Protein backbone atom coordinates (compact mmCIF):
# COMPACT_ATOMS: atom_id res chain seq x y z
CA MET A 1 -28.20 -14.12 -5.36
CA ALA A 2 -24.48 -13.60 -5.99
CA ASP A 3 -22.03 -13.49 -3.11
CA GLU A 4 -21.89 -9.92 -1.89
CA LYS A 5 -18.75 -8.41 -0.47
CA PRO A 6 -19.24 -7.36 3.16
CA ALA A 7 -19.19 -3.63 3.84
CA TYR A 8 -15.72 -2.27 4.59
CA ASN A 9 -15.69 -0.92 8.15
CA LYS A 10 -12.01 0.00 8.61
CA PRO A 11 -10.60 3.54 8.48
CA LEU A 12 -10.13 4.93 4.98
CA PRO A 13 -7.42 7.31 3.75
CA ASP A 14 -7.93 11.02 4.28
CA LEU A 15 -8.18 12.00 0.62
CA ARG A 16 -6.53 15.28 -0.32
CA PRO A 17 -6.23 17.11 -3.64
CA GLU A 18 -2.47 16.47 -3.87
CA ASP A 19 -2.89 12.66 -3.74
CA LYS A 20 -5.95 12.40 -6.02
CA THR A 21 -3.78 11.23 -8.95
CA PHE A 22 -2.43 8.36 -6.82
CA TRP A 23 -5.86 7.16 -5.63
CA ASP A 24 -7.32 7.46 -9.15
CA ALA A 25 -4.50 5.22 -10.47
CA MET A 26 -5.06 2.73 -7.64
CA LYS A 27 -8.74 2.43 -8.68
CA GLU A 28 -7.44 1.43 -12.13
CA HIS A 29 -5.07 -1.11 -10.50
CA ARG A 30 -2.03 0.96 -11.53
CA PHE A 31 0.72 1.69 -9.03
CA ILE A 32 2.36 5.08 -9.49
CA LEU A 33 4.85 7.03 -7.45
CA PRO A 34 5.27 10.76 -7.01
CA CYS A 35 8.61 12.09 -8.15
CA GLU A 36 10.48 15.34 -8.33
CA ALA A 37 9.53 16.77 -11.72
CA ALA A 38 12.98 18.24 -12.43
CA THR A 39 14.96 15.05 -11.74
CA GLY A 40 12.42 12.22 -11.97
CA LYS A 41 13.55 10.96 -8.54
CA PRO A 42 10.63 9.07 -6.92
CA PHE A 43 9.62 9.50 -3.29
CA TRP A 44 6.91 8.33 -0.96
CA TYR A 45 4.27 9.58 0.18
CA PRO A 46 2.19 11.61 -2.31
CA ARG A 47 2.39 15.34 -1.67
CA LYS A 48 2.25 18.61 -3.54
CA TYR A 49 5.96 19.50 -3.32
CA ALA A 50 9.01 17.24 -3.61
CA PRO A 51 10.78 16.73 -0.29
CA GLY A 52 14.03 18.60 0.20
CA THR A 53 13.63 20.82 -2.86
CA LEU A 54 9.99 21.93 -2.72
CA GLY A 55 10.04 21.44 -6.49
CA GLU A 56 7.04 20.44 -8.55
CA THR A 57 5.76 16.89 -8.30
CA SER A 58 5.11 14.62 -11.27
CA TRP A 59 4.15 10.91 -11.42
CA MET A 60 5.81 7.77 -12.73
CA ASP A 61 4.57 4.24 -13.31
CA ALA A 62 6.05 1.88 -10.74
CA SER A 63 6.62 -1.87 -10.81
CA GLY A 64 4.86 -2.63 -7.53
CA GLU A 65 7.79 -4.83 -6.54
CA GLY A 66 9.83 -4.50 -3.39
CA THR A 67 11.69 -6.06 -0.50
CA VAL A 68 10.63 -6.25 3.15
CA TYR A 69 12.96 -3.96 5.08
CA THR A 70 11.37 -4.76 8.45
CA TYR A 71 7.97 -5.76 9.82
CA SER A 72 5.94 -6.14 12.98
CA THR A 73 2.96 -8.25 13.93
CA HIS A 74 0.03 -6.18 15.21
CA PHE A 75 -2.28 -8.09 17.49
CA ILE A 76 -4.41 -5.06 18.37
CA GLY A 77 -5.62 -2.79 15.60
CA PRO A 78 -5.54 1.01 15.66
CA SER A 79 -9.30 1.28 16.23
CA LYS A 80 -12.29 -0.72 17.49
CA SER A 81 -13.11 -1.71 13.90
CA TYR A 82 -10.21 -4.22 14.06
CA LYS A 83 -11.53 -6.00 17.16
CA GLY A 84 -11.58 -9.75 16.59
CA ASP A 85 -9.45 -9.57 13.44
CA PRO A 86 -6.44 -11.84 13.11
CA PRO A 87 -3.01 -10.32 13.66
CA HIS A 88 -1.85 -8.07 10.82
CA ILE A 89 1.69 -7.89 9.47
CA VAL A 90 2.71 -4.27 8.95
CA ALA A 91 5.88 -3.90 6.90
CA LEU A 92 8.27 -1.25 5.68
CA ILE A 93 8.91 -2.10 2.05
CA ASP A 94 11.83 -0.91 -0.02
CA LEU A 95 10.27 -0.39 -3.44
CA ALA A 96 12.28 -1.36 -6.52
CA GLU A 97 12.28 2.30 -7.57
CA GLY A 98 13.96 3.39 -4.32
CA PRO A 99 11.39 4.83 -1.89
CA ARG A 100 10.35 3.01 1.26
CA MET A 101 6.66 2.72 2.13
CA MET A 102 4.58 1.12 4.85
CA SER A 103 1.87 -1.39 3.99
CA ILE A 104 0.15 -4.59 5.08
CA LEU A 105 1.38 -8.05 4.04
CA VAL A 106 -1.42 -10.34 2.84
CA LYS A 107 -2.05 -13.63 1.09
CA ASP A 108 -2.83 -13.33 -2.62
CA GLU A 109 -6.27 -14.92 -2.40
CA ALA A 110 -9.89 -13.83 -2.13
CA GLY A 111 -10.38 -11.21 0.56
CA PHE A 112 -6.60 -10.73 0.97
CA PRO A 113 -6.34 -12.33 4.45
CA SER A 114 -3.36 -11.43 6.61
CA LEU A 115 -0.13 -13.25 5.96
CA ASP A 116 0.98 -15.53 8.81
CA ALA A 117 3.92 -14.15 10.80
CA GLU A 118 5.94 -17.36 10.31
CA ASP A 119 5.76 -16.80 6.54
CA VAL A 120 7.48 -13.39 6.68
CA THR A 121 11.21 -12.69 6.61
CA ILE A 122 13.30 -9.56 6.34
CA GLY A 123 14.60 -9.36 2.78
CA MET A 124 11.58 -11.22 1.38
CA LYS A 125 10.55 -10.16 -2.13
CA VAL A 126 7.00 -8.83 -2.37
CA LYS A 127 4.64 -7.49 -5.03
CA ILE A 128 1.62 -5.24 -4.87
CA VAL A 129 -1.97 -6.44 -4.87
CA PHE A 130 -4.92 -4.10 -5.28
CA ASP A 131 -7.62 -4.45 -2.61
CA ASP A 132 -10.84 -2.77 -3.77
CA VAL A 133 -12.14 -2.01 -0.28
CA THR A 134 -14.95 0.30 -1.49
CA ASP A 135 -16.20 1.48 -4.87
CA GLU A 136 -14.04 4.59 -4.45
CA ILE A 137 -10.91 3.29 -2.68
CA THR A 138 -8.39 0.63 -3.67
CA MET A 139 -5.72 -0.01 -1.04
CA PRO A 140 -2.16 -1.05 -1.92
CA LYS A 141 -1.17 -4.21 -0.05
CA PHE A 142 1.73 -6.56 -0.65
CA THR A 143 2.07 -10.31 -0.98
CA PRO A 144 5.10 -12.62 -1.35
CA ALA A 145 6.48 -12.39 -4.88
CA GLY A 146 7.68 -15.95 -5.17
C-alpha cells in the first residue's frame, strides 16, 4: 500500500465567490494576484473591488518571489488543531510585484515542515511553494529562495 497523506485537520480558508479565481489557480500551482483592472496595479488580498478606487478587479500572473518584511514565531496555534505542532514562523512578505501578504515560512521538503526560527532573517529572499492540503485547497507558503 502506498504512503497515504494524513488527513488535514487545520482550519481552511473561508472560500468566497470573489476569491474563487485565486484558489482555482493555486490548485494548478499558479500564483496570481488581484489587480485594479484600469491600472493593472496589484494588491493583496483577493476581493471584488480594488481598494481605494472600488474599480473592477482583474488578475495577473505573479512570480511567487518576495522578501521577508518581518516575522514572528508562534508557539501556540490559533486553534486546538495545532496542539503539539512545532512552532510556526508567520511572516509578512513583500512580494516582488509590490503587495505585502502574510504567510507561513516552511522548509522546501516533503510535508513542508516549519522553518526553524534561527534560519529566518528580515530581508531574506523567499519563494512560494504550493502545499496541497486537501484535494480542493492548495495553500501558498514560502521557503528560502537561496
